Amino acid sequence: MNAGPLVVARGLSKRFPDGTLALDGLDFDVLPGRVTGLVGPDGAGKTTLMRLIAGLLLPSEGSVRSCGFDTASDLPEIRAAVSYMPQRFGLYEDLTVAENLALYADLRGVVGDERTATTQRLLDFTGLGPFTSRLAGKLSGGMKQKLGLACALIRTPRLLLLDEPSVGVDPISRRELWRLVYQLVDRGIAVVWSTAYLDEAERCTSVLTLDRGRLLYDGPPEELTARAIGRTVLVRGADRKRRVLAAALRLPEVVDGVIQGRAVRLVVRDGARPPSPPDLGAPDAEVIPTSPRFEDAFVDLLGGGPKGESPLSGGNRPAIPGADAVVEAVGLTKRFGSFTAARDITFRIGRGEIFGLLGPNGAGKSTTFKMLCGLLVPTEGTARVAGADLYRSGGQARARLGYMAQKFSLYGDLSARQNLEFFSGVYGLSGRRRREAIDRLVGAFELEPFLKVDAGRLPLGFKQRLALACAVLHDPPVLFLDEPTSGVDPLTRREFWSHINAMVERGVTVLVTTHFLDEAEYCDRIALVDKGRVIANGSPDDLKDAARSDSLPEPTLEDAFIGLVEAADAREQAA
């Protein structure tokens, strides 16, 4: 086997007709038999680089060779050696699993006995054999990604390009996807994996880090992580962790901060001393050193996370009269024919609390979420939101609720301003109150340069900003967020959560679903749902404690998620 690089880029630049410089003078190699991670903020140039490597775009300057072929002149050879799985699900949702595989086999010229053998091998490889007659649009997020991978492998490539393949995929399916990819790597295939999840970057052999089209780092992830040794601490024992985080981000020596369960995780500047508890307004807290993560070093490499306070901070929402719990679900059950999607879902959420609803794809989270929003009527059970019965006084409940849907739910053909005006009208705002609400959120989310841009054409991070702005125009006491930061980069995610934390400190109650478990650390409590039922309920640290064992003394929340789901499945099979 040729041990030389499968991708060679020299002076690689790409400028688009509108003058945007997407990539600027990149030099790097990609070696066979390894996973090379591609990370960077939104707009860094990751997808553009993928398309250049695949020969779908031509360089403006410099060159890139894929599998020994020049992308500017050898496209037939590149298409035979390179497979590309795009960021968005590129399959046909109205075709079955088998029909999608057959279509891609036709496109790649795989026929006869070779097609039969290859299709069966890929169905076995991905575990999709029992689902060949299911429409692709009816698959779970994890199964869609497995089908996309199978279609990309219909002719075995030398180089596989995966553009954010795990976005919207639950932790169990993500681990399965990684297992499949490493089976390919063991056969000598080179994989380039673009990701917004930085824990995935730690699983790569090498990492390319981009920012604004420039290559900031090229090497093993552990070498970048080592740059943050001695600069990461946990603040434990603070009564108000969100206030501690806000105080820390005002300090010049702190370059990054996130909530990690009951603690606050901080990264300080090189050569700086960590802040003391009094500096953080928490004299009874404890500041202790902790090992750095790749994400700590990555954010530091980019110049640090967002600083200062959210413009949404300040003020205080009054308590809701007569409401012991701001959100309450009692015995919520939803059946579709003989299928029970949610079974006896029960929980209570207090004022100023962040409550996470987690679970595998297809576990019943979205069904529960829709029942609590009034979009689905339960077969059994009741729900109250902000003191109102959701099914007897639905209009009153929904008026007190802000909702940000899982998929971009705004109107793509309307401008950002038109979306804001439309939703303010839906929420009953008019006149001066309407103008002030729109102006306040345009400033808070820095939307001014994009007000005339159609929402469908906004960069992903600004789409999410606009969606959140529309959800909180009427200053609701309750906010429902369905996978609000799916696919966005760590810096945008931090900014997003700074706004949520600010609203929660004012007394807003938040219900959130997410597959990004580092993000779930922001929750005060979590309900873990599997096969339509709640299998665990507690703080992030409570769930990690439940998964702790001699073989896993310091479990992550992902470890706890997978361990608790597997244990519940084992109990069900044994019953």
Protein backbone atom coordinates (compact mmCIF):
# COMPACT_ATOMS: atom_id res chain seq x y z
CA MET A 1 0.00 0.00 0.00
CA ASN A 2 1.19 3.49 -0.85
CA ALA A 3 1.97 5.16 2.49
CA GLY A 4 2.19 8.65 0.97
CA PRO A 5 -0.44 11.32 1.67
CA LEU A 6 -3.83 10.99 -0.03
CA VAL A 7 -4.48 14.74 0.09
CA VAL A 8 -1.75 17.31 -0.61
CA ALA A 9 -2.69 21.00 -0.47
CA ARG A 10 -0.19 23.75 -1.24
CA GLY A 11 -1.03 27.44 -1.15
CA LEU A 12 -4.70 26.51 -1.42
CA SER A 13 -7.02 29.53 -1.58
CA LYS A 14 -10.64 29.98 -2.61
CA ARG A 15 -12.29 33.32 -3.33
CA PHE A 16 -15.95 33.43 -4.36
CA PRO A 17 -17.36 35.81 -7.01
CA ASP A 18 -18.77 38.14 -4.33
CA GLY A 19 -15.20 38.71 -3.09
CA THR A 20 -15.42 36.46 -0.01
CA LEU A 21 -12.07 34.83 0.75
CA ALA A 22 -13.17 31.45 2.10
CA LEU A 23 -9.71 29.85 2.29
CA ASP A 24 -6.36 31.60 2.43
CA GLY A 25 -3.08 29.86 1.56
CA LEU A 26 -3.53 26.42 3.18
CA ASP A 27 -0.69 23.88 3.27
CA PHE A 28 -1.40 20.42 4.71
CA ASP A 29 -1.35 16.66 4.03
CA VAL A 30 -3.88 13.93 4.85
CA LEU A 31 -2.41 10.46 5.41
CA PRO A 32 -4.10 7.09 4.73
CA GLY A 33 -5.35 4.79 7.48
CA ARG A 34 -6.28 7.57 9.90
CA VAL A 35 -9.09 9.98 10.78
CA THR A 36 -8.22 13.63 10.23
CA GLY A 37 -10.54 16.01 12.07
CA LEU A 38 -11.59 19.31 10.54
CA VAL A 39 -12.76 21.84 13.14
CA GLY A 40 -13.43 25.56 13.28
CA PRO A 41 -16.18 28.13 13.90
CA ASP A 42 -19.10 28.69 11.53
CA GLY A 43 -17.80 30.30 8.37
CA ALA A 44 -14.24 29.04 8.92
CA GLY A 45 -14.17 27.35 5.49
CA LYS A 46 -14.65 23.69 6.46
CA THR A 47 -17.33 22.82 3.88
CA THR A 48 -15.52 24.80 1.17
CA LEU A 49 -12.36 22.79 1.88
CA MET A 50 -14.28 19.50 1.70
CA ARG A 51 -15.71 20.46 -1.70
CA LEU A 52 -12.29 21.46 -3.01
CA ILE A 53 -10.83 18.10 -1.95
CA ALA A 54 -13.75 16.31 -3.66
CA GLY A 55 -13.28 18.31 -6.88
CA LEU A 56 -16.69 19.99 -6.57
CA LEU A 57 -15.00 23.41 -6.45
CA LEU A 58 -11.81 24.62 -8.14
CA PRO A 59 -9.08 26.55 -6.28
CA SER A 60 -8.65 30.26 -6.92
CA GLU A 61 -4.94 29.90 -6.13
CA GLY A 62 -2.64 27.03 -5.25
CA SER A 63 -3.50 23.37 -5.72
CA VAL A 64 -4.98 20.33 -4.04
CA ARG A 65 -4.31 16.74 -5.09
CA SER A 66 -6.65 13.96 -3.96
CA CYS A 67 -5.44 10.34 -4.16
CA GLY A 68 -2.64 11.52 -6.43
CA PHE A 69 -4.91 13.37 -8.87
CA ASP A 70 -5.18 17.11 -9.53
CA THR A 71 -8.70 18.31 -8.77
CA ALA A 72 -8.45 20.86 -11.56
CA SER A 73 -7.87 18.30 -14.34
CA ASP A 74 -8.51 14.73 -13.16
CA LEU A 75 -12.15 14.72 -12.06
CA PRO A 76 -13.10 11.22 -13.38
CA GLU A 77 -10.20 9.66 -11.45
CA ILE A 78 -11.06 11.62 -8.30
CA ARG A 79 -14.72 10.60 -8.44
CA ALA A 80 -13.67 6.96 -8.65
CA ALA A 81 -11.37 7.26 -5.60
CA VAL A 82 -13.13 9.79 -3.34
CA SER A 83 -16.55 9.58 -1.64
CA TYR A 84 -18.21 12.62 -0.09
CA MET A 85 -21.05 12.63 2.44
CA PRO A 86 -22.37 16.22 2.54
CA GLN A 87 -23.43 18.14 5.62
CA ARG A 88 -27.11 18.03 4.79
CA PHE A 89 -28.87 14.71 4.31
CA GLY A 90 -28.29 14.23 0.56
CA LEU A 91 -30.52 11.20 0.09
CA TYR A 92 -34.07 10.94 -1.22
CA GLU A 93 -36.54 10.86 1.64
CA ASP A 94 -39.39 9.54 -0.53
CA LEU A 95 -37.32 6.48 -1.49
CA THR A 96 -36.78 3.46 0.74
CA VAL A 97 -33.41 2.41 2.15
CA ALA A 98 -33.07 -0.21 -0.61
CA GLU A 99 -34.06 2.27 -3.34
CA ASN A 100 -31.52 4.85 -2.16
CA LEU A 101 -28.75 2.23 -2.21
CA ALA A 102 -29.83 1.11 -5.69
CA LEU A 103 -29.82 4.71 -6.96
CA TYR A 104 -26.29 5.35 -5.67
CA ALA A 105 -25.14 2.02 -7.12
CA ASP A 106 -26.46 3.19 -10.52
CA LEU A 107 -24.67 6.51 -10.15
CA ARG A 108 -21.37 4.82 -9.27
CA GLY A 109 -21.68 2.08 -11.93
CA VAL A 110 -21.97 -0.82 -9.47
CA VAL A 111 -23.98 -3.55 -11.22
CA GLY A 112 -24.68 -7.27 -11.30
CA ASP A 113 -23.17 -9.60 -8.72
CA GLU A 114 -20.95 -6.79 -7.42
CA ARG A 115 -24.04 -4.70 -6.59
CA THR A 116 -25.76 -7.59 -4.80
CA ALA A 117 -22.68 -8.42 -2.71
CA THR A 118 -21.85 -4.78 -1.93
CA THR A 119 -25.41 -3.90 -0.92
CA GLN A 120 -25.65 -6.86 1.43
CA ARG A 121 -22.24 -6.08 2.94
CA LEU A 122 -23.24 -2.46 3.60
CA LEU A 123 -26.60 -3.45 5.10
CA ASP A 124 -24.79 -5.81 7.47
CA PHE A 125 -22.09 -3.22 8.17
CA THR A 126 -24.57 -0.48 9.14
CA GLY A 127 -27.24 -2.68 10.73
CA LEU A 128 -29.86 -1.40 8.26
CA GLY A 129 -30.81 -4.87 6.99
CA PRO A 130 -34.18 -4.98 8.81
CA PHE A 131 -35.17 -1.55 7.45
CA THR A 132 -34.70 -1.90 3.66
CA SER A 133 -38.39 -1.15 2.95
CA ARG A 134 -38.58 1.91 5.24
CA LEU A 135 -38.68 5.36 3.63
CA ALA A 136 -35.48 7.31 4.28
CA GLY A 137 -37.54 10.24 5.58
CA LYS A 138 -38.98 7.98 8.30
CA LEU A 139 -35.59 6.94 9.66
CA SER A 140 -34.21 8.28 12.95
CA GLY A 141 -31.34 10.77 12.79
CA GLY A 142 -28.74 8.09 13.50
CA MET A 143 -30.16 5.69 10.90
CA LYS A 144 -30.24 8.46 8.27
CA GLN A 145 -26.54 9.08 8.84
CA LYS A 146 -25.80 5.35 8.58
CA LEU A 147 -27.69 5.22 5.28
CA GLY A 148 -25.77 8.26 4.04
CA LEU A 149 -22.53 6.51 4.98
CA ALA A 150 -23.62 3.32 3.20
CA CYS A 151 -24.42 5.27 0.02
CA ALA A 152 -21.04 6.99 0.19
CA LEU A 153 -19.40 3.56 0.42
CA ILE A 154 -21.31 1.89 -2.42
CA ARG A 155 -17.97 1.86 -4.22
CA THR A 156 -15.14 1.49 -1.71
CA PRO A 157 -13.16 4.75 -1.75
CA ARG A 158 -9.55 5.44 -0.90
CA LEU A 159 -10.62 8.74 0.69
CA LEU A 160 -13.90 9.35 2.56
CA LEU A 161 -15.05 12.91 3.31
CA LEU A 162 -17.67 13.28 6.07
CA ASP A 163 -19.06 16.80 6.55
CA GLU A 164 -20.49 16.98 10.11
CA PRO A 165 -22.01 13.47 9.96
CA SER A 166 -23.06 13.39 13.61
CA VAL A 167 -25.15 16.59 13.79
CA GLY A 168 -28.54 15.77 15.33
CA VAL A 169 -27.44 12.23 16.20
CA ASP A 170 -27.79 10.88 19.73
CA PRO A 171 -24.68 9.77 21.71
CA ILE A 172 -25.33 6.04 21.21
CA SER A 173 -25.61 6.44 17.43
CA ARG A 174 -22.55 8.73 17.41
CA ARG A 175 -20.44 6.01 19.05
CA GLU A 176 -21.78 3.47 16.56
CA LEU A 177 -20.91 5.79 13.68
CA TRP A 178 -17.36 6.14 15.00
CA ARG A 179 -17.07 2.36 15.31
CA LEU A 180 -18.07 1.97 11.66
CA VAL A 181 -15.61 4.63 10.55
CA TYR A 182 -12.70 3.06 12.41
CA GLN A 183 -13.45 -0.25 10.72
CA LEU A 184 -12.85 1.59 7.44
CA VAL A 185 -9.65 3.17 8.78
CA ASP A 186 -8.34 -0.27 9.73
CA ARG A 187 -8.64 -1.16 6.03
CA GLY A 188 -6.36 1.76 5.10
CA ILE A 189 -9.04 4.24 4.01
CA ALA A 190 -8.33 7.87 4.88
CA VAL A 191 -11.23 9.73 6.53
CA VAL A 192 -11.63 13.49 6.87
CA TRP A 193 -14.30 14.17 9.51
CA SER A 194 -15.62 17.71 9.87
CA THR A 195 -17.31 18.28 13.22
CA ALA A 196 -18.85 20.87 15.52
CA TYR A 197 -18.44 18.48 18.50
CA LEU A 198 -14.97 18.97 19.93
CA ASP A 199 -15.03 15.76 21.97
CA GLU A 200 -15.04 14.06 18.55
CA ALA A 201 -11.86 15.91 17.59
CA GLU A 202 -10.13 14.13 20.49
CA ARG A 203 -10.88 10.80 18.78
CA CYS A 204 -9.03 11.83 15.60
CA THR A 205 -5.41 11.00 14.85
CA SER A 206 -4.77 14.50 13.57
CA VAL A 207 -6.72 17.75 13.51
CA LEU A 208 -6.86 20.67 11.09
CA THR A 209 -8.15 23.80 12.85
CA LEU A 210 -9.52 26.58 10.64
CA ASP A 211 -10.63 30.10 11.43
CA ARG A 212 -11.73 32.66 8.82
CA GLY A 213 -10.14 30.59 6.08
CA ARG A 214 -6.72 30.24 7.71
CA LEU A 215 -5.09 27.13 9.12
CA LEU A 216 -4.31 27.74 12.80
CA TYR A 217 -3.18 24.26 13.82
CA ASP A 218 -2.26 21.00 12.10
CA GLY A 219 -1.27 18.08 14.32
CA PRO A 220 -2.38 15.56 16.96
CA PRO A 221 -5.24 16.82 19.16
CA GLU A 222 -3.38 15.93 22.37
CA GLU A 223 -0.55 18.33 21.46
CA LEU A 224 -2.99 21.22 21.18
CA THR A 225 -4.69 20.16 24.42
CA ALA A 226 -1.30 20.21 26.18
CA ARG A 227 -1.06 23.97 25.57
CA ALA A 228 -3.74 24.48 28.23
CA ILE A 229 -2.06 22.41 30.95
CA GLY A 230 -2.01 24.33 34.23
CA ARG A 231 -4.59 26.84 33.01
CA THR A 232 -7.92 25.06 33.66
CA VAL A 233 -9.82 25.07 36.97
CA LEU A 234 -13.20 24.05 38.38
CA VAL A 235 -15.14 26.33 40.73
CA ARG A 236 -17.12 24.11 43.09
CA GLY A 237 -19.49 24.79 45.94
CA ALA A 238 -20.94 28.07 44.63
CA ASP A 239 -24.62 28.67 45.38
CA ARG A 240 -25.33 30.48 42.09
CA LYS A 241 -23.20 28.91 39.37
CA ARG A 242 -24.65 31.09 36.60
CA ARG A 243 -23.73 34.25 38.52
CA VAL A 244 -20.24 32.87 39.14
CA LEU A 245 -19.80 32.23 35.42
CA ALA A 246 -20.99 35.74 34.54
CA ALA A 247 -18.59 37.23 37.11
CA ALA A 248 -15.68 35.13 35.78
CA LEU A 249 -16.25 36.23 32.19
CA ARG A 250 -15.84 39.86 33.25
CA LEU A 251 -12.30 39.17 34.53
CA PRO A 252 -9.42 39.88 32.12
CA GLU A 253 -7.47 36.78 33.16
CA VAL A 254 -10.34 34.43 32.20
CA VAL A 255 -10.43 33.52 28.48
CA ASP A 256 -13.24 30.99 28.60
CA GLY A 257 -15.87 29.61 30.95
CA VAL A 258 -18.69 27.07 30.86
CA ILE A 259 -20.99 25.37 33.36
CA GLN A 260 -20.07 21.76 34.04
CA GLY A 261 -22.76 20.18 36.22
CA ARG A 262 -22.60 21.72 39.70
CA ALA A 263 -19.25 23.36 38.89
CA VAL A 264 -18.03 26.19 36.65
CA ARG A 265 -15.09 25.37 34.36
CA LEU A 266 -12.65 28.21 33.60
CA VAL A 267 -9.62 28.66 31.36
CA VAL A 268 -7.16 31.44 32.26
CA ARG A 269 -4.66 33.26 30.10
CA ASP A 270 -1.14 31.90 29.73
CA GLY A 271 0.87 33.07 32.74
CA ALA A 272 -2.17 34.30 34.68
CA ARG A 273 -3.27 33.06 38.10
CA PRO A 274 -6.77 31.59 38.43
CA PRO A 275 -9.32 33.89 40.08
CA SER A 276 -9.96 33.46 43.80
CA PRO A 277 -13.45 32.74 45.19
CA PRO A 278 -13.90 36.38 46.36
CA ASP A 279 -13.02 37.53 42.81
CA LEU A 280 -16.00 35.49 41.63
CA GLY A 281 -18.41 36.77 44.27
CA ALA A 282 -18.49 33.32 45.87
CA PRO A 283 -16.28 33.41 49.01
CA ASP A 284 -17.40 29.94 50.12
CA ALA A 285 -16.55 28.27 46.78
CA GLU A 286 -13.47 26.20 46.04
CA VAL A 287 -11.19 26.71 43.02
CA ILE A 288 -9.33 23.51 42.11
CA PRO A 289 -7.08 22.57 39.16
CA THR A 290 -8.46 20.16 36.55
CA SER A 291 -7.08 18.50 33.42
CA PRO A 292 -7.57 20.41 30.17
CA ARG A 293 -9.82 19.24 27.35
CA PHE A 294 -9.31 19.75 23.63
CA GLU A 295 -12.18 22.26 23.69
CA ASP A 296 -10.36 24.41 26.27
CA ALA A 297 -7.29 24.71 24.05
CA PHE A 298 -9.39 25.15 20.89
CA VAL A 299 -11.33 28.13 22.28
CA ASP A 300 -8.10 29.64 23.61
CA LEU A 301 -6.52 29.23 20.14
CA LEU A 302 -9.40 31.22 18.66
CA GLY A 303 -8.81 34.05 21.12
CA GLY A 304 -11.23 33.01 23.85
CA GLY A 305 -14.97 32.76 24.26
CA PRO A 306 -17.57 35.55 24.45
CA LYS A 307 -16.90 38.00 27.28
CA GLY A 308 -19.11 40.26 29.36
CA GLU A 309 -22.80 40.10 30.14
CA SER A 310 -25.67 39.25 27.84
CA PRO A 311 -27.83 42.24 26.85
CA LEU A 312 -30.77 40.13 28.05
CA SER A 313 -29.59 40.26 31.67
CA GLY A 314 -31.06 42.56 34.31
CA GLY A 315 -34.50 42.94 35.78
CA ASN A 316 -36.57 40.18 37.32
CA ARG A 317 -39.70 38.36 36.20
CA PRO A 318 -42.43 38.19 38.86
CA ALA A 319 -43.54 34.78 40.08
CA ILE A 320 -46.66 33.32 38.48
CA PRO A 321 -49.55 33.51 40.99
CA GLY A 322 -50.97 30.15 42.00
CA ALA A 323 -48.31 28.11 40.18
CA ASP A 324 -46.25 25.82 42.40
CA ALA A 325 -44.49 24.49 39.29
CA VAL A 326 -44.08 26.63 36.17
CA VAL A 327 -44.18 23.55 33.92
CA GLU A 328 -45.89 20.36 35.05
CA ALA A 329 -46.46 17.06 33.21
CA VAL A 330 -48.58 14.40 34.90
CA GLY A 331 -48.94 10.96 33.31
CA LEU A 332 -48.53 12.25 29.74
CA THR A 333 -49.10 9.36 27.32
CA LYS A 334 -49.41 9.43 23.54
CA ARG A 335 -50.44 6.48 21.38
CA PHE A 336 -50.46 6.36 17.59
CA GLY A 337 -52.63 3.32 16.89
CA SER A 338 -50.94 0.37 18.61
CA PHE A 339 -47.65 2.27 19.06
CA THR A 340 -47.03 4.11 22.34
CA ALA A 341 -44.64 6.99 21.66
CA ALA A 342 -44.69 8.38 25.22
CA ARG A 343 -45.78 6.58 28.38
CA ASP A 344 -46.67 8.13 31.75
CA ILE A 345 -44.26 11.09 31.45
CA THR A 346 -44.27 12.95 34.77
CA PHE A 347 -42.09 15.83 35.98
CA ARG A 348 -42.26 19.35 37.47
CA ILE A 349 -40.06 22.34 36.60
CA GLY A 350 -39.68 25.28 38.97
CA ARG A 351 -39.24 28.98 38.28
CA GLY A 352 -35.78 29.94 37.00
CA GLU A 353 -34.77 26.33 36.35
CA ILE A 354 -33.20 24.75 33.25
CA PHE A 355 -34.65 21.27 32.71
CA GLY A 356 -33.18 18.96 30.08
CA LEU A 357 -35.13 16.31 28.20
CA LEU A 358 -32.58 13.84 26.80
CA GLY A 359 -32.75 10.50 25.06
CA PRO A 360 -31.79 8.49 21.96
CA ASN A 361 -33.30 9.26 18.56
CA GLY A 362 -36.87 7.95 18.54
CA ALA A 363 -37.11 7.80 22.36
CA GLY A 364 -40.21 10.01 22.55
CA LYS A 365 -38.59 13.39 23.38
CA SER A 366 -40.15 15.27 20.45
CA THR A 367 -43.56 13.73 21.13
CA THR A 368 -43.35 14.84 24.78
CA PHE A 369 -42.12 18.26 23.70
CA LYS A 370 -45.03 18.70 21.27
CA MET A 371 -47.57 17.69 23.93
CA LEU A 372 -46.12 20.32 26.28
CA CYS A 373 -46.32 22.94 23.51
CA GLY A 374 -49.95 22.10 22.75
CA LEU A 375 -49.05 20.83 19.27
CA LEU A 376 -50.18 17.27 20.15
CA VAL A 377 -53.12 16.29 22.34
CA PRO A 378 -52.12 13.47 24.72
CA THR A 379 -54.02 10.19 24.82
CA GLU A 380 -53.83 10.39 28.62
CA GLY A 381 -52.47 12.79 31.21
CA THR A 382 -52.39 16.53 31.79
CA ALA A 383 -49.93 19.40 31.40
CA ARG A 384 -49.78 22.91 32.84
CA VAL A 385 -47.56 25.71 31.57
CA ALA A 386 -47.21 29.02 33.42
CA GLY A 387 -50.26 28.32 35.58
CA ALA A 388 -52.61 27.44 32.69
CA ASP A 389 -53.97 24.04 31.71
CA LEU A 390 -52.53 23.43 28.26
CA TYR A 391 -55.60 21.62 26.94
CA ARG A 392 -58.35 23.72 28.56
CA SER A 393 -56.72 27.15 28.32
CA GLY A 394 -54.29 26.51 25.49
CA GLY A 395 -54.27 30.06 24.17
CA GLN A 396 -53.45 31.48 27.58
CA ALA A 397 -50.65 28.93 28.10
CA ARG A 398 -49.11 29.47 24.66
CA ALA A 399 -49.12 33.25 25.15
CA ARG A 400 -46.77 32.70 28.11
CA LEU A 401 -44.50 30.39 26.17
CA GLY A 402 -41.58 31.00 23.81
CA TYR A 403 -40.79 28.10 21.45
CA MET A 404 -37.72 27.48 19.30
CA ALA A 405 -38.25 24.42 17.11
CA GLN A 406 -35.71 21.69 16.35
CA LYS A 407 -35.58 22.54 12.65
CA PHE A 408 -35.19 26.13 11.48
CA SER A 409 -38.83 27.21 11.85
CA LEU A 410 -38.75 30.74 10.49
CA TYR A 411 -39.81 31.86 7.03
CA GLY A 412 -36.84 31.50 4.70
CA ASP A 413 -38.28 33.77 2.00
CA LEU A 414 -38.87 36.62 4.46
CA SER A 415 -36.07 38.89 5.59
CA ALA A 416 -34.83 38.83 9.17
CA ARG A 417 -36.79 42.02 9.92
CA GLN A 418 -39.96 40.64 8.32
CA ASN A 419 -39.68 37.51 10.47
CA LEU A 420 -39.33 39.64 13.60
CA GLU A 421 -42.33 41.75 12.60
CA PHE A 422 -44.43 38.70 11.79
CA PHE A 423 -43.72 36.91 15.07
CA SER A 424 -44.22 40.06 17.12
CA GLY A 425 -47.69 40.26 15.58
CA VAL A 426 -48.37 36.60 16.35
CA TYR A 427 -47.52 37.31 19.99
CA GLY A 428 -49.88 40.29 20.07
CA LEU A 429 -47.28 43.06 20.15
CA SER A 430 -48.13 46.34 18.46
CA GLY A 431 -47.18 49.99 18.30
CA ARG A 432 -44.39 51.25 20.51
CA ARG A 433 -44.09 47.98 22.44
CA ARG A 434 -43.52 46.12 19.18
CA ARG A 435 -40.86 48.54 17.93
CA GLU A 436 -39.01 48.53 21.25
CA ALA A 437 -39.01 44.72 21.47
CA ILE A 438 -37.63 44.34 17.93
CA ASP A 439 -34.99 47.05 18.41
CA ARG A 440 -33.88 45.53 21.73
CA LEU A 441 -33.38 42.05 20.25
CA VAL A 442 -31.76 43.30 17.04
CA GLY A 443 -29.15 44.94 19.25
CA ALA A 444 -28.82 42.01 21.64
CA PHE A 445 -28.21 39.49 18.84
CA GLU A 446 -26.26 41.85 16.53
CA LEU A 447 -28.75 41.33 13.68
CA GLU A 448 -28.55 44.85 12.21
CA PRO A 449 -26.32 43.89 9.21
CA PHE A 450 -28.70 41.04 8.29
CA LEU A 451 -32.11 42.68 8.64
CA LYS A 452 -32.67 42.82 4.86
CA VAL A 453 -31.27 39.31 4.21
CA ASP A 454 -33.73 36.46 3.66
CA ALA A 455 -33.70 34.20 6.72
CA GLY A 456 -33.00 31.12 4.58
CA ARG A 457 -29.72 32.67 3.41
CA LEU A 458 -28.36 33.59 6.84
CA PRO A 459 -25.25 31.82 8.21
CA LEU A 460 -26.26 29.04 10.61
CA GLY A 461 -25.20 30.92 13.74
CA PHE A 462 -27.30 33.96 12.77
CA LYS A 463 -30.26 31.74 11.86
CA GLN A 464 -30.17 30.44 15.43
CA ARG A 465 -29.87 33.97 16.82
CA LEU A 466 -32.87 35.09 14.79
CA ALA A 467 -34.91 32.04 15.84
CA LEU A 468 -34.20 32.72 19.52
CA ALA A 469 -34.96 36.41 19.09
CA CYS A 470 -38.36 35.58 17.58
CA ALA A 471 -39.08 33.14 20.43
CA VAL A 472 -38.48 35.74 23.17
CA LEU A 473 -39.97 38.86 21.56
CA HIS A 474 -42.89 38.84 24.04
CA ASP A 475 -40.60 38.25 27.06
CA PRO A 476 -42.21 34.91 27.99
CA PRO A 477 -41.83 33.39 31.47
CA VAL A 478 -41.31 29.94 29.90
CA LEU A 479 -38.95 29.06 27.04
CA PHE A 480 -38.96 25.72 25.17
CA LEU A 481 -35.81 24.99 23.14
CA ASP A 482 -35.74 21.89 20.91
CA GLU A 483 -32.07 21.17 20.03
CA PRO A 484 -31.35 24.92 19.81
CA THR A 485 -27.63 24.72 18.95
CA SER A 486 -27.54 21.64 16.73
CA GLY A 487 -24.57 21.99 14.38
CA VAL A 488 -23.32 25.38 15.60
CA ASP A 489 -19.72 25.91 16.64
CA PRO A 490 -18.52 26.15 20.29
CA LEU A 491 -18.18 29.94 20.28
CA THR A 492 -21.74 30.45 19.00
CA ARG A 493 -22.94 27.86 21.50
CA ARG A 494 -21.33 29.78 24.37
CA GLU A 495 -22.89 33.04 23.21
CA PHE A 496 -26.28 31.35 22.93
CA TRP A 497 -26.08 29.97 26.45
CA SER A 498 -24.95 33.29 27.87
CA HIS A 499 -28.34 34.67 26.74
CA ILE A 500 -30.21 31.68 28.19
CA ASN A 501 -28.36 31.93 31.51
CA ALA A 502 -29.16 35.65 31.68
CA MET A 503 -32.87 34.98 31.15
CA VAL A 504 -32.87 32.18 33.74
CA GLU A 505 -31.26 34.50 36.30
CA ARG A 506 -34.24 36.81 35.72
CA GLY A 507 -36.63 33.96 36.59
CA VAL A 508 -37.39 32.51 33.14
CA THR A 509 -37.96 28.73 33.13
CA VAL A 510 -36.35 26.72 30.32
CA LEU A 511 -37.09 23.25 28.93
CA VAL A 512 -34.41 22.10 26.47
CA THR A 513 -33.65 19.01 24.40
CA THR A 514 -30.16 18.38 23.09
CA HIS A 515 -27.87 15.63 21.79
CA PHE A 516 -24.79 17.65 22.76
CA LEU A 517 -24.13 16.43 26.28
CA ASP A 518 -21.55 19.06 27.23
CA GLU A 519 -24.41 21.49 26.64
CA ALA A 520 -26.68 19.41 28.91
CA GLU A 521 -24.26 20.25 31.76
CA TYR A 522 -25.99 23.66 31.89
CA CYS A 523 -29.21 21.98 33.06
CA ASP A 524 -30.21 22.01 36.72
CA ARG A 525 -32.03 18.72 36.25
CA ILE A 526 -32.40 16.16 33.46
CA ALA A 527 -35.06 13.60 32.57
CA LEU A 528 -33.57 10.79 30.48
CA VAL A 529 -36.18 9.25 28.17
CA ASP A 530 -35.91 5.88 26.41
CA LYS A 531 -38.61 3.99 24.52
CA GLY A 532 -41.23 6.50 25.57
CA ARG A 533 -40.61 6.44 29.32
CA VAL A 534 -38.48 8.35 31.83
CA ILE A 535 -35.67 6.02 32.99
CA ALA A 536 -33.66 8.53 35.09
CA ASN A 537 -34.23 11.94 36.62
CA GLY A 538 -31.73 14.16 38.43
CA SER A 539 -28.93 16.69 38.06
CA PRO A 540 -26.15 16.05 35.52
CA ASP A 541 -23.87 15.07 38.40
CA ASP A 542 -26.55 12.72 39.79
CA LEU A 543 -26.66 10.89 36.46
CA LYS A 544 -22.86 10.68 36.34
CA ASP A 545 -22.81 9.31 39.89
CA ALA A 546 -25.29 6.61 38.86
CA ALA A 547 -22.89 5.49 36.11
CA ARG A 548 -19.76 5.53 38.30
CA SER A 549 -17.99 2.17 38.70
CA ASP A 550 -14.54 0.68 39.36
CA SER A 551 -13.96 0.47 35.60
CA LEU A 552 -15.34 4.00 35.03
CA PRO A 553 -14.39 6.10 38.08
CA GLU A 554 -14.93 9.49 36.36
CA PRO A 555 -17.77 9.05 33.86
CA THR A 556 -18.73 11.82 31.48
CA LEU A 557 -22.37 12.69 30.96
CA GLU A 558 -22.14 10.79 27.65
CA ASP A 559 -20.91 7.72 29.54
CA ALA A 560 -23.85 8.09 31.94
CA PHE A 561 -26.34 8.54 29.08
CA ILE A 562 -25.19 5.39 27.29
CA GLY A 563 -24.81 3.33 30.48
CA LEU A 564 -28.28 4.22 31.80
CA VAL A 565 -29.99 3.51 28.46
CA GLU A 566 -28.20 0.18 28.08
CA ALA A 567 -29.08 -0.79 31.68
CA ALA A 568 -32.76 0.08 31.10
CA ASP A 569 -32.80 -1.96 27.89
CA ALA A 570 -31.21 -4.91 29.70
CA ARG A 571 -33.85 -4.74 32.46
CA GLU A 572 -36.63 -4.69 29.88
CA GLN A 573 -35.23 -7.71 28.05
CA ALA A 574 -34.83 -9.62 31.32
CA ALA A 575 -38.42 -8.88 32.41
